[in-house]
C-alpha atoms as a PDB file:
ATOM      1  CA  MET A   1      29.299  82.580 -25.141  1.00  0.00           C
ATOM      2  CA  SER A   2      31.058  79.174 -25.160  1.00  0.00           C
ATOM      3  CA  GLU A   3      28.581  77.284 -23.048  1.00  0.00           C
ATOM      4  CA  ILE A   4      24.843  77.134 -21.695  1.00  0.00           C
ATOM      5  CA  HIS A   5      23.100  75.708 -19.032  1.00  0.00           C
ATOM      6  CA  PHE A   6      19.579  74.069 -18.794  1.00  0.00           C
ATOM      7  CA  GLY A   7      17.455  72.896 -15.744  1.00  0.00           C
ATOM      8  CA  VAL A   8      15.580  69.915 -16.767  1.00  0.00           C
ATOM      9  CA  GLU A   9      12.523  68.908 -14.904  1.00  0.00           C
ATOM     10  CA  GLU A  10       9.948  66.024 -15.499  1.00  0.00           C
ATOM     11  CA  ALA A  11       6.761  67.795 -16.964  1.00  0.00           C
ATOM     12  CA  PRO A  12       3.581  66.572 -14.817  1.00  0.00           C
ATOM     13  CA  GLU A  13       1.979  65.061 -17.992  1.00  0.00           C
ATOM     14  CA  GLY A  14       5.114  63.409 -18.903  1.00  0.00           C
ATOM     15  CA  GLY A  15       8.127  63.890 -20.895  1.00  0.00           C
ATOM     16  CA  TYR A  16      10.587  66.745 -19.952  1.00  0.00           C
ATOM     17  CA  ILE A  17      10.698  70.423 -19.711  1.00  0.00           C
ATOM     18  CA  ALA A  18      13.983  72.289 -20.381  1.00  0.00           C
ATOM     19  CA  LYS A  19      14.749  76.043 -19.410  1.00  0.00           C
ATOM     20  CA  ALA A  20      17.980  77.869 -19.959  1.00  0.00           C
ATOM     21  CA  VAL A  21      19.866  79.764 -17.225  1.00  0.00           C
ATOM     22  CA  ASN A  22      20.438  83.480 -17.846  1.00  0.00           C
ATOM     23  CA  GLU A  23      18.511  83.048 -21.368  1.00  0.00           C
ATOM     24  CA  ASP A  24      14.973  82.992 -22.337  1.00  0.00           C
ATOM     25  CA  ILE A  25      15.012  79.638 -23.888  1.00  0.00           C
ATOM     26  CA  PHE A  26      12.223  76.879 -22.883  1.00  0.00           C
ATOM     27  CA  THR A  27      11.579  73.689 -24.812  1.00  0.00           C
ATOM     28  CA  GLU A  28      10.089  70.330 -24.099  1.00  0.00           C
ATOM     29  CA  ALA A  29       9.887  66.750 -25.436  1.00  0.00           C
ATOM     30  CA  ASP A  30       8.417  63.384 -24.677  1.00  0.00           C
ATOM     31  CA  ASN A  31      11.917  61.534 -24.095  1.00  0.00           C
ATOM     32  CA  ILE A  32      15.588  62.198 -23.694  1.00  0.00           C
ATOM     33  CA  PRO A  33      16.739  61.997 -26.986  1.00  0.00           C
ATOM     34  CA  GLY A  34      13.944  63.950 -28.292  1.00  0.00           C
ATOM     35  CA  LEU A  35      14.978  66.614 -25.701  1.00  0.00           C
ATOM     36  CA  HIS A  36      18.464  66.797 -26.909  1.00  0.00           C
ATOM     37  CA  ALA A  37      17.213  67.238 -30.416  1.00  0.00           C
ATOM     38  CA  SER A  38      14.772  70.040 -29.182  1.00  0.00           C
ATOM     39  CA  VAL A  39      17.315  71.662 -26.862  1.00  0.00           C
ATOM     40  CA  ARG A  40      19.717  71.879 -29.818  1.00  0.00           C
ATOM     41  CA  ASP A  41      17.265  73.557 -32.068  1.00  0.00           C
ATOM     42  CA  ALA A  42      16.039  75.924 -29.679  1.00  0.00           C
ATOM     43  CA  VAL A  43      19.476  76.992 -28.852  1.00  0.00           C
ATOM     44  CA  HIS A  44      20.514  77.640 -32.584  1.00  0.00           C
ATOM     45  CA  CYS A  45      17.438  79.567 -33.442  1.00  0.00           C
ATOM     46  CA  HIS A  46      18.054  81.748 -30.107  1.00  0.00           C
ATOM     47  CA  PHE A  47      21.248  82.991 -31.335  1.00  0.00           C
ATOM     48  CA  ASP A  48      22.595  84.749 -34.356  1.00  0.00           C
ATOM     49  CA  GLU A  49      24.527  82.311 -36.485  1.00  0.00           C
ATOM     50  CA  GLY A  50      28.120  81.497 -35.569  1.00  0.00           C
ATOM     51  CA  LYS A  51      27.299  82.971 -32.113  1.00  0.00           C
ATOM     52  CA  SER A  52      25.596  79.750 -30.520  1.00  0.00           C
ATOM     53  CA  PRO A  53      27.533  78.172 -27.604  1.00  0.00           C
ATOM     54  CA  GLY A  54      29.701  75.391 -28.362  1.00  0.00           C
ATOM     55  CA  LEU A  55      28.545  73.246 -25.235  1.00  0.00           C
ATOM     56  CA  ILE A  56      25.124  72.724 -23.857  1.00  0.00           C
ATOM     57  CA  HIS A  57      24.848  71.615 -20.189  1.00  0.00           C
ATOM     58  CA  LEU A  58      21.507  69.678 -19.047  1.00  0.00           C
ATOM     59  CA  HIS A  59      20.984  69.608 -15.184  1.00  0.00           C
ATOM     60  CA  PHE A  60      18.444  67.049 -14.182  1.00  0.00           C
ATOM     61  CA  LEU A  61      16.313  68.402 -11.353  1.00  0.00           C
ATOM     62  CA  ARG A  62      13.899  66.058  -9.592  1.00  0.00           C
ATOM     63  CA  GLU A  63      11.921  67.003  -6.356  1.00  0.00           C
ATOM     64  CA  GLU A  64      11.309  64.009  -3.867  1.00  0.00           C
ATOM     65  CA  GLY A  65       9.472  64.512  -0.405  1.00  0.00           C
ATOM     66  CA  ILE A  66      10.046  62.222   2.398  1.00  0.00           C
ATOM     67  CA  ALA A  67       8.604  62.048   5.697  1.00  0.00           C
ATOM     68  CA  GLY A  68      10.160  64.336   8.606  1.00  0.00           C
ATOM     69  CA  LYS A  69       9.864  61.270  10.999  1.00  0.00           C
ATOM     70  CA  ALA A  70      10.341  57.376  10.203  1.00  0.00           C
END
């Protein structure tokens, strides 16, 4: 596997939650630099040595509701 994708959302209590697409990897952190470290660590722990992807994509998702009528 050459790359892996994560969907990242803001956690209701603060910080960020990252979930891998097509893999059972989940991690969280209080800030973006912490999330980068946490995701790297989770990926390296999930895959056997030498099998982890060389590229990790983080897709930041944000939900926003707006009124249907102005």
